[in-house]
């Protein structure tokens, strides 16, 4: 049986450790990897990015949403998520990132 990913991390303005479980932890790791450029669901598809972002914000993670236009047959806008908090991953447990 595989365990769910658990990402323990600290934020720049908080002394306590926080933990993001499962896809929320995965999303946090992806935001850290993306760096200042951030990421979009077009570049990094996942079923519920907006929900992962909402849950991470609930933990106190500062994430900026930038609306970007795109063309093509289904022109419109999409979100780019940028991590604004300084996040330090303390521990990864239970899964691969």
PDB file of N, CA and C in Angstrom:
ATOM      1  N   UNK A   1       0.839  -1.176   0.000  1.00  0.00           N
ATOM      2  CA  UNK A   1       0.000   0.000   0.000  1.00  0.00           C
ATOM      3  C   UNK A   1       0.890   1.247   0.000  1.00  0.00           C
ATOM      4  N   UNK A   2       0.620   2.193  -0.880  1.00  0.00           N
ATOM      5  CA  UNK A   2       1.422   3.404  -0.928  1.00  0.00           C
ATOM      6  C   UNK A   2       0.826   4.462  -0.005  1.00  0.00           C
ATOM      7  N   UNK A   3       1.711   5.253   0.554  1.00  0.00           N
ATOM      8  CA  UNK A   3       1.280   6.337   1.432  1.00  0.00           C
ATOM      9  C   UNK A   3       1.125   7.608   0.613  1.00  0.00           C
ATOM     10  N   UNK A   4       0.265   8.491   1.109  1.00  0.00           N
ATOM     11  CA  UNK A   4       0.097   9.781   0.455  1.00  0.00           C
ATOM     12  C   UNK A   4       1.301  10.667   0.737  1.00  0.00           C
ATOM     13  N   UNK A   5       1.613  11.509  -0.221  1.00  0.00           N
ATOM     14  CA  UNK A   5       2.695  12.465  -0.070  1.00  0.00           C
ATOM     15  C   UNK A   5       2.361  13.427   1.068  1.00  0.00           C
ATOM     16  N   UNK A   6       3.319  13.698   1.924  1.00  0.00           N
ATOM     17  CA  UNK A   6       3.190  14.710   2.969  1.00  0.00           C
ATOM     18  C   UNK A   6       4.406  15.620   2.869  1.00  0.00           C
ATOM     19  N   UNK A   7       4.161  16.900   2.650  1.00  0.00           N
ATOM     20  CA  UNK A   7       5.230  17.881   2.525  1.00  0.00           C
ATOM     21  C   UNK A   7       5.188  18.779   3.753  1.00  0.00           C
ATOM     22  N   UNK A   8       6.226  18.691   4.573  1.00  0.00           N
ATOM     23  CA  UNK A   8       6.347  19.567   5.734  1.00  0.00           C
ATOM     24  C   UNK A   8       7.224  20.737   5.322  1.00  0.00           C
ATOM     25  N   UNK A   9       6.768  21.958   5.650  1.00  0.00           N
ATOM     26  CA  UNK A   9       7.472  23.147   5.182  1.00  0.00           C
ATOM     27  C   UNK A   9       7.315  24.287   6.178  1.00  0.00           C
ATOM     28  N   UNK A  10       8.167  25.302   6.019  1.00  0.00           N
ATOM     29  CA  UNK A  10       8.035  26.527   6.796  1.00  0.00           C
ATOM     30  C   UNK A  10       7.871  27.683   5.822  1.00  0.00           C
ATOM     31  N   UNK A  11       7.260  28.750   6.314  1.00  0.00           N
ATOM     32  CA  UNK A  11       7.094  29.976   5.541  1.00  0.00           C
ATOM     33  C   UNK A  11       7.994  31.048   6.135  1.00  0.00           C
ATOM     34  N   UNK A  12       8.341  32.031   5.325  1.00  0.00           N
ATOM     35  CA  UNK A  12       9.270  33.079   5.739  1.00  0.00           C
ATOM     36  C   UNK A  12       8.815  33.834   6.986  1.00  0.00           C
ATOM     37  N   UNK A  13       7.523  33.985   7.186  1.00  0.00           N
ATOM     38  CA  UNK A  13       7.041  34.821   8.283  1.00  0.00           C
ATOM     39  C   UNK A  13       6.413  34.020   9.430  1.00  0.00           C
ATOM     40  N   UNK A  14       6.596  32.710   9.450  1.00  0.00           N
ATOM     41  CA  UNK A  14       5.988  31.885  10.500  1.00  0.00           C
ATOM     42  C   UNK A  14       7.025  30.907  11.058  1.00  0.00           C
ATOM     43  N   UNK A  15       7.092  30.795  12.378  1.00  0.00           N
ATOM     44  CA  UNK A  15       8.097  29.916  12.980  1.00  0.00           C
ATOM     45  C   UNK A  15       7.700  28.437  12.991  1.00  0.00           C
ATOM     46  N   UNK A  16       6.419  28.138  12.838  1.00  0.00           N
ATOM     47  CA  UNK A  16       5.948  26.764  12.968  1.00  0.00           C
ATOM     48  C   UNK A  16       6.008  26.007  11.639  1.00  0.00           C
ATOM     49  N   UNK A  17       6.149  24.682  11.737  1.00  0.00           N
ATOM     50  CA  UNK A  17       6.093  23.830  10.550  1.00  0.00           C
ATOM     51  C   UNK A  17       4.650  23.623  10.128  1.00  0.00           C
ATOM     52  N   UNK A  18       4.435  23.558   8.831  1.00  0.00           N
ATOM     53  CA  UNK A  18       3.120  23.286   8.261  1.00  0.00           C
ATOM     54  C   UNK A  18       3.244  22.028   7.406  1.00  0.00           C
ATOM     55  N   UNK A  19       2.116  21.383   7.140  1.00  0.00           N
ATOM     56  CA  UNK A  19       2.139  20.183   6.306  1.00  0.00           C
ATOM     57  C   UNK A  19       1.031  20.255   5.264  1.00  0.00           C
ATOM     58  N   UNK A  20       1.399  19.966   4.031  1.00  0.00           N
ATOM     59  CA  UNK A  20       0.439  19.859   2.926  1.00  0.00           C
ATOM     60  C   UNK A  20       0.428  18.391   2.497  1.00  0.00           C
ATOM     61  N   UNK A  21      -0.764  17.818   2.406  1.00  0.00           N
ATOM     62  CA  UNK A  21      -0.925  16.389   2.148  1.00  0.00           C
ATOM     63  C   UNK A  21      -1.394  16.146   0.711  1.00  0.00           C
ATOM     64  N   UNK A  22      -0.917  15.057   0.114  1.00  0.00           N
ATOM     65  CA  UNK A  22      -1.406  14.611  -1.190  1.00  0.00           C
ATOM     66  C   UNK A  22      -1.131  15.613  -2.296  1.00  0.00           C
ATOM     67  N   UNK A  23      -2.160  15.868  -3.113  1.00  0.00           N
ATOM     68  CA  UNK A  23      -2.017  16.777  -4.256  1.00  0.00           C
ATOM     69  C   UNK A  23      -1.678  18.201  -3.821  1.00  0.00           C
ATOM     70  N   UNK A  24      -2.106  18.588  -2.620  1.00  0.00           N
ATOM     71  CA  UNK A  24      -1.767  19.924  -2.131  1.00  0.00           C
ATOM     72  C   UNK A  24      -0.252  20.038  -1.957  1.00  0.00           C
ATOM     73  N   UNK A  25       0.353  19.006  -1.391  1.00  0.00           N
ATOM     74  CA  UNK A  25       1.804  18.976  -1.237  1.00  0.00           C
ATOM     75  C   UNK A  25       2.505  18.943  -2.578  1.00  0.00           C
ATOM     76  N   UNK A  26       1.973  18.154  -3.500  1.00  0.00           N
ATOM     77  CA  UNK A  26       2.526  18.094  -4.854  1.00  0.00           C
ATOM     78  C   UNK A  26       2.488  19.478  -5.504  1.00  0.00           C
ATOM     79  N   UNK A  27       1.344  20.163  -5.374  1.00  0.00           N
ATOM     80  CA  UNK A  27       1.192  21.488  -5.984  1.00  0.00           C
ATOM     81  C   UNK A  27       2.192  22.472  -5.385  1.00  0.00           C
ATOM     82  N   UNK A  28       2.402  22.411  -4.080  1.00  0.00           N
ATOM     83  CA  UNK A  28       3.376  23.287  -3.445  1.00  0.00           C
ATOM     84  C   UNK A  28       4.771  23.029  -4.012  1.00  0.00           C
ATOM     85  N   UNK A  29       5.143  21.783  -4.140  1.00  0.00           N
ATOM     86  CA  UNK A  29       6.453  21.433  -4.707  1.00  0.00           C
ATOM     87  C   UNK A  29       6.589  21.932  -6.140  1.00  0.00           C
ATOM     88  N   UNK A  30       5.528  21.831  -6.927  1.00  0.00           N
ATOM     89  CA  UNK A  30       5.560  22.307  -8.312  1.00  0.00           C
ATOM     90  C   UNK A  30       5.730  23.830  -8.359  1.00  0.00           C
ATOM     91  N   UNK A  31       5.076  24.542  -7.448  1.00  0.00           N
ATOM     92  CA  UNK A  31       5.233  25.996  -7.382  1.00  0.00           C
ATOM     93  C   UNK A  31       6.658  26.374  -6.994  1.00  0.00           C
ATOM     94  N   UNK A  32       7.234  25.641  -6.053  1.00  0.00           N
ATOM     95  CA  UNK A  32       8.621  25.899  -5.651  1.00  0.00           C
ATOM     96  C   UNK A  32       9.543  25.669  -6.840  1.00  0.00           C
ATOM     97  N   UNK A  33       9.353  24.573  -7.559  1.00  0.00           N
ATOM     98  CA  UNK A  33      10.182  24.262  -8.736  1.00  0.00           C
ATOM     99  C   UNK A  33      10.051  25.323  -9.825  1.00  0.00           C
ATOM    100  N   UNK A  34       8.848  25.873  -9.994  1.00  0.00           N
ATOM    101  CA  UNK A  34       8.591  26.854 -11.056  1.00  0.00           C
ATOM    102  C   UNK A  34       9.320  28.167 -10.805  1.00  0.00           C
ATOM    103  N   UNK A  35       9.604  28.477  -9.569  1.00  0.00           N
ATOM    104  CA  UNK A  35      10.325  29.707  -9.247  1.00  0.00           C
ATOM    105  C   UNK A  35       9.524  30.954  -9.567  1.00  0.00           C
ATOM    106  N   UNK A  36      10.254  32.027  -9.900  1.00  0.00           N
ATOM    107  CA  UNK A  36       9.618  33.329 -10.144  1.00  0.00           C
ATOM    108  C   UNK A  36       8.686  33.340 -11.342  1.00  0.00           C
ATOM    109  N   UNK A  37       8.901  32.436 -12.299  1.00  0.00           N
ATOM    110  CA  UNK A  37       8.059  32.408 -13.506  1.00  0.00           C
ATOM    111  C   UNK A  37       6.650  31.929 -13.196  1.00  0.00           C
ATOM    112  N   UNK A  38       6.493  31.172 -12.115  1.00  0.00           N
ATOM    113  CA  UNK A  38       5.183  30.609 -11.815  1.00  0.00           C
ATOM    114  C   UNK A  38       4.830  29.527 -12.812  1.00  0.00           C
ATOM    115  N   UNK A  39       3.576  29.095 -12.763  1.00  0.00           N
ATOM    116  CA  UNK A  39       3.141  28.048 -13.687  1.00  0.00           C
ATOM    117  C   UNK A  39       1.682  28.234 -14.044  1.00  0.00           C
ATOM    118  N   UNK A  40       1.297  27.608 -15.142  1.00  0.00           N
ATOM    119  CA  UNK A  40      -0.093  27.638 -15.588  1.00  0.00           C
ATOM    120  C   UNK A  40      -0.589  26.204 -15.728  1.00  0.00           C
ATOM    121  N   UNK A  41      -1.881  26.067 -15.766  1.00  0.00           N
ATOM    122  CA  UNK A  41      -2.455  24.738 -15.977  1.00  0.00           C
ATOM    123  C   UNK A  41      -2.201  24.263 -17.404  1.00  0.00           C
ATOM    124  N   UNK A  42      -1.893  25.184 -18.310  1.00  0.00           N
ATOM    125  CA  UNK A  42      -1.547  24.794 -19.674  1.00  0.00           C
ATOM    126  C   UNK A  42      -0.179  24.120 -19.698  1.00  0.00           C
ATOM    127  N   UNK A  43       0.735  24.572 -18.854  1.00  0.00           N
ATOM    128  CA  UNK A  43       2.083  24.011 -18.791  1.00  0.00           C
ATOM    129  C   UNK A  43       2.153  22.780 -17.897  1.00  0.00           C
ATOM    130  N   UNK A  44       1.327  22.752 -16.890  1.00  0.00           N
ATOM    131  CA  UNK A  44       1.406  21.708 -15.868  1.00  0.00           C
ATOM    132  C   UNK A  44      -0.014  21.252 -15.526  1.00  0.00           C
ATOM    133  N   UNK A  45      -0.625  20.443 -16.383  1.00  0.00           N
ATOM    134  CA  UNK A  45      -2.015  20.041 -16.160  1.00  0.00           C
ATOM    135  C   UNK A  45      -2.189  19.202 -14.892  1.00  0.00           C
ATOM    136  N   UNK A  46      -3.260  19.477 -14.203  1.00  0.00           N
ATOM    137  CA  UNK A  46      -3.673  18.705 -13.026  1.00  0.00           C
ATOM    138  C   UNK A  46      -5.170  18.932 -12.863  1.00  0.00           C
ATOM    139  N   UNK A  47      -5.873  18.010 -12.246  1.00  0.00           N
ATOM    140  CA  UNK A  47      -7.328  18.085 -12.226  1.00  0.00           C
ATOM    141  C   UNK A  47      -7.940  19.311 -11.537  1.00  0.00           C
ATOM    142  N   UNK A  48      -7.308  19.805 -10.446  1.00  0.00           N
ATOM    143  CA  UNK A  48      -7.988  20.846  -9.683  1.00  0.00           C
ATOM    144  C   UNK A  48      -7.029  21.896  -9.138  1.00  0.00           C
ATOM    145  N   UNK A  49      -6.241  22.508  -9.996  1.00  0.00           N
ATOM    146  CA  UNK A  49      -5.251  23.478  -9.551  1.00  0.00           C
ATOM    147  C   UNK A  49      -5.859  24.554  -8.661  1.00  0.00           C
ATOM    148  N   UNK A  50      -6.987  25.114  -9.061  1.00  0.00           N
ATOM    149  CA  UNK A  50      -7.555  26.217  -8.274  1.00  0.00           C
ATOM    150  C   UNK A  50      -7.889  25.774  -6.854  1.00  0.00           C
ATOM    151  N   UNK A  51      -8.294  24.530  -6.686  1.00  0.00           N
ATOM    152  CA  UNK A  51      -8.597  24.023  -5.346  1.00  0.00           C
ATOM    153  C   UNK A  51      -7.323  23.833  -4.528  1.00  0.00           C
ATOM    154  N   UNK A  52      -6.256  23.320  -5.154  1.00  0.00           N
ATOM    155  CA  UNK A  52      -4.987  23.167  -4.444  1.00  0.00           C
ATOM    156  C   UNK A  52      -4.481  24.536  -3.982  1.00  0.00           C
ATOM    157  N   UNK A  53      -4.588  25.532  -4.849  1.00  0.00           N
ATOM    158  CA  UNK A  53      -4.147  26.892  -4.516  1.00  0.00           C
ATOM    159  C   UNK A  53      -4.969  27.433  -3.350  1.00  0.00           C
ATOM    160  N   UNK A  54      -6.270  27.234  -3.388  1.00  0.00           N
ATOM    161  CA  UNK A  54      -7.156  27.697  -2.320  1.00  0.00           C
ATOM    162  C   UNK A  54      -6.768  27.072  -0.978  1.00  0.00           C
ATOM    163  N   UNK A  55      -6.491  25.771  -0.997  1.00  0.00           N
ATOM    164  CA  UNK A  55      -6.120  25.081   0.241  1.00  0.00           C
ATOM    165  C   UNK A  55      -4.747  25.535   0.749  1.00  0.00           C
ATOM    166  N   UNK A  56      -3.795  25.746  -0.153  1.00  0.00           N
ATOM    167  CA  UNK A  56      -2.488  26.241   0.276  1.00  0.00           C
ATOM    168  C   UNK A  56      -2.596  27.646   0.853  1.00  0.00           C
ATOM    169  N   UNK A  57      -3.415  28.484   0.251  1.00  0.00           N
ATOM    170  CA  UNK A  57      -3.636  29.828   0.804  1.00  0.00           C
ATOM    171  C   UNK A  57      -4.234  29.733   2.207  1.00  0.00           C
ATOM    172  N   UNK A  58      -5.088  28.746   2.422  1.00  0.00           N
ATOM    173  CA  UNK A  58      -5.665  28.531   3.740  1.00  0.00           C
ATOM    174  C   UNK A  58      -4.622  28.186   4.795  1.00  0.00           C
ATOM    175  N   UNK A  59      -3.505  27.619   4.352  1.00  0.00           N
ATOM    176  CA  UNK A  59      -2.393  27.326   5.266  1.00  0.00           C
ATOM    177  C   UNK A  59      -1.504  28.550   5.490  1.00  0.00           C
ATOM    178  N   UNK A  60      -1.777  29.625   4.736  1.00  0.00           N
ATOM    179  CA  UNK A  60      -0.992  30.847   4.883  1.00  0.00           C
ATOM    180  C   UNK A  60       0.020  31.085   3.790  1.00  0.00           C
ATOM    181  N   UNK A  61       0.026  30.237   2.756  1.00  0.00           N
ATOM    182  CA  UNK A  61       0.979  30.395   1.654  1.00  0.00           C
ATOM    183  C   UNK A  61       0.484  31.530   0.750  1.00  0.00           C
ATOM    184  N   UNK A  62       1.362  32.493   0.479  1.00  0.00           N
ATOM    185  CA  UNK A  62       1.012  33.631  -0.369  1.00  0.00           C
ATOM    186  C   UNK A  62       1.256  33.237  -1.826  1.00  0.00           C
ATOM    187  N   UNK A  63       0.179  33.135  -2.597  1.00  0.00           N
ATOM    188  CA  UNK A  63       0.250  32.755  -4.008  1.00  0.00           C
ATOM    189  C   UNK A  63      -0.514  33.803  -4.815  1.00  0.00           C
ATOM    190  N   UNK A  64       0.175  34.394  -5.784  1.00  0.00           N
ATOM    191  CA  UNK A  64      -0.436  35.398  -6.655  1.00  0.00           C
ATOM    192  C   UNK A  64      -1.064  34.709  -7.859  1.00  0.00           C
ATOM    193  N   UNK A  65      -2.237  35.189  -8.272  1.00  0.00           N
ATOM    194  CA  UNK A  65      -2.875  34.717  -9.497  1.00  0.00           C
ATOM    195  C   UNK A  65      -2.823  35.841 -10.521  1.00  0.00           C
ATOM    196  N   UNK A  66      -2.209  35.563 -11.662  1.00  0.00           N
ATOM    197  CA  UNK A  66      -2.108  36.533 -12.755  1.00  0.00           C
ATOM    198  C   UNK A  66      -2.933  35.989 -13.912  1.00  0.00           C
ATOM    199  N   UNK A  67      -3.891  36.781 -14.396  1.00  0.00           N
ATOM    200  CA  UNK A  67      -4.686  36.372 -15.551  1.00  0.00           C
ATOM    201  C   UNK A  67      -3.920  36.680 -16.828  1.00  0.00           C
ATOM    202  N   UNK A  68      -3.814  35.677 -17.705  1.00  0.00           N
ATOM    203  CA  UNK A  68      -3.113  35.831 -18.977  1.00  0.00           C
ATOM    204  C   UNK A  68      -4.051  35.457 -20.119  1.00  0.00           C
ATOM    205  N   UNK A  69      -3.909  36.169 -21.219  1.00  0.00           N
ATOM    206  CA  UNK A  69      -4.713  35.874 -22.412  1.00  0.00           C
ATOM    207  C   UNK A  69      -4.028  34.812 -23.247  1.00  0.00           C
ATOM    208  N   UNK A  70      -4.819  34.035 -23.949  1.00  0.00           N
ATOM    209  CA  UNK A  70      -4.282  33.092 -24.920  1.00  0.00           C
ATOM    210  C   UNK A  70      -5.197  33.085 -26.139  1.00  0.00           C
ATOM    211  N   UNK A  71      -4.599  32.797 -27.298  1.00  0.00           N
ATOM    212  CA  UNK A  71      -5.345  32.776 -28.555  1.00  0.00           C
ATOM    213  C   UNK A  71      -5.775  31.370 -28.910  1.00  0.00           C
ATOM    214  N   UNK A  72      -5.965  31.165 -30.178  1.00  0.00           N
ATOM    215  CA  UNK A  72      -6.355  29.854 -30.662  1.00  0.00           C
ATOM    216  C   UNK A  72      -7.849  29.738 -30.831  1.00  0.00           C
ATOM    217  N   UNK A  73      -8.322  28.558 -31.223  1.00  0.00           N
ATOM    218  CA  UNK A  73      -9.749  28.375 -31.482  1.00  0.00           C
ATOM    219  C   UNK A  73     -10.618  28.553 -30.237  1.00  0.00           C
ATOM    220  N   UNK A  74     -10.027  28.416 -29.073  1.00  0.00           N
ATOM    221  CA  UNK A  74     -10.770  28.609 -27.821  1.00  0.00           C
ATOM    222  C   UNK A  74     -10.097  29.709 -27.015  1.00  0.00           C
ATOM    223  N   UNK A  75      -9.945  30.867 -27.651  1.00  0.00           N
ATOM    224  CA  UNK A  75      -9.256  32.001 -27.035  1.00  0.00           C
ATOM    225  C   UNK A  75      -9.941  32.405 -25.735  1.00  0.00           C
ATOM    226  N   UNK A  76      -9.141  32.927 -24.835  1.00  0.00           N
ATOM    227  CA  UNK A  76      -9.672  33.374 -23.548  1.00  0.00           C
ATOM    228  C   UNK A  76      -8.545  33.711 -22.607  1.00  0.00           C
ATOM    229  N   UNK A  77      -8.732  33.400 -21.345  1.00  0.00           N
ATOM    230  CA  UNK A  77      -7.703  33.660 -20.350  1.00  0.00           C
ATOM    231  C   UNK A  77      -7.442  32.397 -19.536  1.00  0.00           C
ATOM    232  N   UNK A  78      -6.286  32.388 -18.930  1.00  0.00           N
ATOM    233  CA  UNK A  78      -5.932  31.321 -18.003  1.00  0.00           C
ATOM    234  C   UNK A  78      -5.153  31.952 -16.853  1.00  0.00           C
ATOM    235  N   UNK A  79      -5.014  31.235 -15.762  1.00  0.00           N
ATOM    236  CA  UNK A  79      -4.305  31.749 -14.595  1.00  0.00           C
ATOM    237  C   UNK A  79      -2.854  31.292 -14.604  1.00  0.00           C
ATOM    238  N   UNK A  80      -1.975  32.185 -14.164  1.00  0.00           N
ATOM    239  CA  UNK A  80      -0.592  31.826 -13.846  1.00  0.00           C
ATOM    240  C   UNK A  80      -0.461  32.009 -12.339  1.00  0.00           C
ATOM    241  N   UNK A  81      -0.028  30.951 -11.664  1.00  0.00           N
ATOM    242  CA  UNK A  81       0.133  30.986 -10.216  1.00  0.00           C
ATOM    243  C   UNK A  81       1.600  31.206  -9.881  1.00  0.00           C
ATOM    244  N   UNK A  82       1.848  32.212  -9.029  1.00  0.00           N
ATOM    245  CA  UNK A  82       3.221  32.543  -8.638  1.00  0.00           C
ATOM    246  C   UNK A  82       3.337  32.493  -7.115  1.00  0.00           C
ATOM    247  N   UNK A  83       4.293  31.740  -6.654  1.00  0.00           N
ATOM    248  CA  UNK A  83       4.554  31.615  -5.227  1.00  0.00           C
ATOM    249  C   UNK A  83       5.240  32.885  -4.754  1.00  0.00           C
ATOM    250  N   UNK A  84       4.649  33.575  -3.789  1.00  0.00           N
ATOM    251  CA  UNK A  84       5.207  34.812  -3.256  1.00  0.00           C
ATOM    252  C   UNK A  84       5.823  34.610  -1.877  1.00  0.00           C
ATOM    253  N   UNK A  85       5.396  33.604  -1.161  1.00  0.00           N
ATOM    254  CA  UNK A  85       6.014  33.278   0.126  1.00  0.00           C
ATOM    255  C   UNK A  85       7.357  32.610  -0.116  1.00  0.00           C
ATOM    256  N   UNK A  86       8.278  32.822   0.811  1.00  0.00           N
ATOM    257  CA  UNK A  86       9.510  32.030   0.788  1.00  0.00           C
ATOM    258  C   UNK A  86       9.208  30.735   1.517  1.00  0.00           C
ATOM    259  N   UNK A  87       9.265  29.643   0.801  1.00  0.00           N
ATOM    260  CA  UNK A  87       8.926  28.330   1.330  1.00  0.00           C
ATOM    261  C   UNK A  87      10.205  27.504   1.469  1.00  0.00           C
ATOM    262  N   UNK A  88      10.371  26.902   2.618  1.00  0.00           N
ATOM    263  CA  UNK A  88      11.498  25.970   2.813  1.00  0.00           C
ATOM    264  C   UNK A  88      10.919  24.612   3.125  1.00  0.00           C
ATOM    265  N   UNK A  89      11.138  23.655   2.233  1.00  0.00           N
ATOM    266  CA  UNK A  89      10.651  22.293   2.453  1.00  0.00           C
ATOM    267  C   UNK A  89      11.549  21.633   3.491  1.00  0.00           C
ATOM    268  N   UNK A  90      10.927  21.146   4.568  1.00  0.00           N
ATOM    269  CA  UNK A  90      11.653  20.526   5.673  1.00  0.00           C
ATOM    270  C   UNK A  90      11.715  19.019   5.484  1.00  0.00           C
ATOM    271  N   UNK A  91      10.611  18.428   4.982  1.00  0.00           N
ATOM    272  CA  UNK A  91      10.552  16.975   4.855  1.00  0.00           C
ATOM    273  C   UNK A  91       9.550  16.580   3.789  1.00  0.00           C
ATOM    274  N   UNK A  92       9.880  15.541   3.019  1.00  0.00           N
ATOM    275  CA  UNK A  92       8.970  14.914   2.078  1.00  0.00           C
ATOM    276  C   UNK A  92       8.786  13.470   2.544  1.00  0.00           C
ATOM    277  N   UNK A  93       7.556  13.052   2.700  1.00  0.00           N
ATOM    278  CA  UNK A  93       7.310  11.684   3.153  1.00  0.00           C
ATOM    279  C   UNK A  93       6.182  11.059   2.359  1.00  0.00           C
ATOM    280  N   UNK A  94       6.288   9.764   2.127  1.00  0.00           N
ATOM    281  CA  UNK A  94       5.182   9.001   1.600  1.00  0.00           C
ATOM    282  C   UNK A  94       4.948   8.991   0.112  1.00  0.00           C
ATOM    283  N   UNK A  95       5.737   9.672  -0.665  1.00  0.00           N
ATOM    284  CA  UNK A  95       5.491   9.653  -2.100  1.00  0.00           C
ATOM    285  C   UNK A  95       6.570  10.383  -2.855  1.00  0.00           C
ATOM    286  N   UNK A  96       6.535  10.242  -4.152  1.00  0.00           N
ATOM    287  CA  UNK A  96       7.508  10.890  -5.016  1.00  0.00           C
ATOM    288  C   UNK A  96       6.960  12.212  -5.522  1.00  0.00           C
ATOM    289  N   UNK A  97       7.845  13.169  -5.703  1.00  0.00           N
ATOM    290  CA  UNK A  97       7.442  14.476  -6.234  1.00  0.00           C
ATOM    291  C   UNK A  97       7.992  14.613  -7.628  1.00  0.00           C
TER     292      UNK A  97
END
